[in-house]
Amino acid sequence: MGNLPCERVNISSTFTIAGLDLCGPFLVKDKSQRKKTLNKVYICFCICFSTKAIQLELLSDLTSDALIATLKRFTSRRGKCSKFYTDNASNSLGANSILKKFHKLINFPDENLAKYFVSENIDWKFIPPKSPHFGGLVGRQV
C-alpha cells in the first residue's frame, strides 16, 4: 500500500485543503408556495483532508454563479480554503449528464468563476484521469 499524500498527513487547520464532489439531482418540495412544486437541488460535499470533517452545501443548479455562491457560503462558515481537489468526471461515463455539465463547468470556467478563484487564491486540483481510486476520500462520502 502506498503512502498517503502530504495533504492528508500534515497538520493543518480544518478545511484548509478540501475535496469537493457533487451528487444529485434531488427533488425537493417548496413549502412556501401554496402549490407545492418540486425543485431540483444538488448537494455539494466538502470533505476536509486532515480531519475528514464533512460540510454539505446545497446548489440550486449547475451554473458558475451557483457554484460561486456555494463556495462563498462554505468559506464564510469554515474559513478560507487554499486547495480544492475534485475528480475529473472520468467516473461519470455512462452516468447522468449532470455530472458532465459540472465537469465542463470546472474544466472550461467562465470569466466570473476564474476571477473568483484568482481573487481568493484558491488552487483547484484534479485527480489523474481514469484513476477513480485516487479520489477515495471524496468519492467514498457520496
Protein backbone atom coordinates (compact mmCIF):
# COMPACT_ATOMS: atom_id res chain seq x y z
CA MET A 1 0.00 0.00 0.00
CA GLY A 2 1.37 3.41 -0.94
CA ASN A 3 1.96 6.38 1.29
CA LEU A 4 -0.76 8.93 1.88
CA PRO A 5 -0.38 12.32 0.22
CA CYS A 6 1.18 15.06 2.33
CA GLU A 7 -2.13 16.99 2.28
CA ARG A 8 -3.74 14.20 4.31
CA VAL A 9 -0.88 13.64 6.75
CA ASN A 10 0.37 17.13 7.66
CA ILE A 11 -1.38 19.00 10.43
CA SER A 12 -3.39 21.97 9.20
CA SER A 13 -6.49 23.85 10.24
CA THR A 14 -9.85 22.42 9.28
CA PHE A 15 -10.81 22.75 5.61
CA THR A 16 -7.54 24.35 4.53
CA ILE A 17 -7.29 21.54 1.99
CA ALA A 18 -10.61 20.03 0.97
CA GLY A 19 -12.16 17.67 -1.53
CA LEU A 20 -15.27 18.62 -3.45
CA ASP A 21 -17.86 16.38 -5.07
CA LEU A 22 -21.44 16.73 -6.24
CA CYS A 23 -24.40 14.41 -6.12
CA GLY A 24 -27.94 14.80 -7.28
CA PRO A 25 -30.31 15.99 -8.57
CA PHE A 26 -32.78 15.62 -5.72
CA LEU A 27 -36.37 16.76 -5.93
CA VAL A 28 -37.42 19.00 -3.02
CA LYS A 29 -40.88 20.38 -2.33
CA ASP A 30 -41.12 24.12 -1.86
CA LYS A 31 -43.48 24.57 1.10
CA SER A 32 -43.52 28.36 0.96
CA GLN A 33 -45.82 28.33 -2.04
CA ARG A 34 -49.45 27.33 -1.92
CA LYS A 35 -48.94 24.88 -4.74
CA LYS A 36 -46.03 22.76 -3.57
CA THR A 37 -43.79 22.44 -6.61
CA LEU A 38 -40.82 20.13 -6.96
CA ASN A 39 -37.46 21.81 -7.48
CA LYS A 40 -34.16 20.19 -8.43
CA VAL A 41 -31.31 20.69 -5.97
CA TYR A 42 -27.79 19.29 -5.86
CA ILE A 43 -25.62 18.50 -2.86
CA CYS A 44 -22.02 19.65 -2.76
CA PHE A 45 -19.81 17.56 -0.44
CA CYS A 46 -16.82 19.39 1.02
CA ILE A 47 -14.50 16.99 2.84
CA CYS A 48 -11.54 18.16 4.91
CA PHE A 49 -8.40 16.19 4.08
CA SER A 50 -6.78 16.45 7.51
CA THR A 51 -9.74 15.80 9.84
CA LYS A 52 -12.23 14.11 7.45
CA ALA A 53 -14.94 16.53 8.53
CA ILE A 54 -17.83 16.91 6.07
CA GLN A 55 -19.72 20.07 5.15
CA LEU A 56 -22.82 19.76 2.97
CA GLU A 57 -23.90 22.68 0.82
CA LEU A 58 -26.91 22.96 -1.47
CA LEU A 59 -26.75 24.06 -5.08
CA SER A 60 -29.83 25.29 -6.89
CA ASP A 61 -28.40 24.47 -10.32
CA LEU A 62 -25.09 23.72 -12.03
CA THR A 63 -24.18 27.20 -13.19
CA SER A 64 -20.99 29.02 -12.33
CA ASP A 65 -22.93 31.61 -10.32
CA ALA A 66 -24.48 28.89 -8.16
CA LEU A 67 -21.07 27.28 -7.62
CA ILE A 68 -19.53 30.64 -6.65
CA ALA A 69 -22.38 31.29 -4.21
CA THR A 70 -21.89 27.84 -2.69
CA LEU A 71 -18.15 28.36 -2.30
CA LYS A 72 -18.75 31.79 -0.73
CA ARG A 73 -21.15 30.24 1.80
CA PHE A 74 -18.64 27.49 2.50
CA THR A 75 -15.73 29.89 3.06
CA SER A 76 -17.82 32.21 5.22
CA ARG A 77 -18.68 29.31 7.52
CA ARG A 78 -15.41 27.35 7.54
CA GLY A 79 -12.74 29.87 6.61
CA LYS A 80 -10.63 30.30 3.54
CA CYS A 81 -9.62 27.15 1.69
CA SER A 82 -6.28 27.07 -0.11
CA LYS A 83 -6.80 23.92 -2.23
CA PHE A 84 -9.80 22.05 -3.60
CA TYR A 85 -9.44 18.54 -5.02
CA THR A 86 -12.10 17.08 -7.32
CA ASP A 87 -12.41 14.18 -9.66
CA ASN A 88 -12.22 14.87 -13.36
CA ALA A 89 -15.56 13.18 -14.04
CA SER A 90 -13.98 10.20 -15.78
CA ASN A 91 -16.04 8.07 -13.41
CA SER A 92 -19.24 9.59 -14.80
CA LEU A 93 -19.01 7.87 -18.17
CA GLY A 94 -22.42 6.45 -18.82
CA ALA A 95 -23.82 8.26 -15.78
CA ASN A 96 -26.21 11.16 -15.88
CA SER A 97 -25.45 14.31 -17.82
CA ILE A 98 -25.50 16.49 -14.71
CA LEU A 99 -22.01 15.42 -13.68
CA LYS A 100 -20.81 16.04 -17.22
CA LYS A 101 -22.14 19.60 -17.00
CA PHE A 102 -20.19 20.07 -13.76
CA HIS A 103 -17.05 18.67 -15.41
CA LYS A 104 -17.48 21.11 -18.30
CA LEU A 105 -18.03 23.96 -15.85
CA ILE A 106 -14.82 23.18 -13.95
CA ASN A 107 -12.59 22.42 -16.94
CA PHE A 108 -13.78 25.39 -19.01
CA PRO A 109 -14.70 28.04 -16.43
CA ASP A 110 -16.19 31.30 -17.48
CA GLU A 111 -14.75 34.67 -16.50
CA ASN A 112 -16.75 35.01 -13.27
CA LEU A 113 -15.55 31.68 -11.91
CA ALA A 114 -11.93 32.31 -12.90
CA LYS A 115 -11.99 35.78 -11.33
CA TYR A 116 -13.36 34.36 -8.08
CA PHE A 117 -10.63 31.70 -7.82
CA VAL A 118 -7.90 34.23 -8.58
CA SER A 119 -9.23 36.79 -6.10
CA GLU A 120 -9.48 34.20 -3.31
CA ASN A 121 -6.13 32.48 -4.14
CA ILE A 122 -7.84 29.09 -4.46
CA ASP A 123 -5.87 26.33 -6.16
CA TRP A 124 -8.13 23.82 -7.94
CA LYS A 125 -6.56 20.35 -8.39
CA PHE A 126 -7.85 17.29 -10.23
CA ILE A 127 -7.10 13.64 -9.65
CA PRO A 128 -5.28 11.89 -12.53
CA PRO A 129 -7.52 10.85 -15.43
CA LYS A 130 -9.01 7.36 -15.41
CA SER A 131 -7.96 6.69 -11.82
CA PRO A 132 -11.05 6.92 -9.60
CA HIS A 133 -9.18 5.25 -6.73
CA PHE A 134 -7.20 8.49 -6.26
CA GLY A 135 -10.36 10.30 -5.17
CA GLY A 136 -11.17 7.73 -2.49
CA LEU A 137 -11.66 10.13 0.39
CA VAL A 138 -14.05 12.33 -1.57
CA GLY A 139 -15.85 9.70 -3.62
CA ARG A 140 -16.49 7.42 -0.67
CA GLN A 141 -18.69 10.02 1.04
CA VAL A 142 -21.13 10.25 -1.85
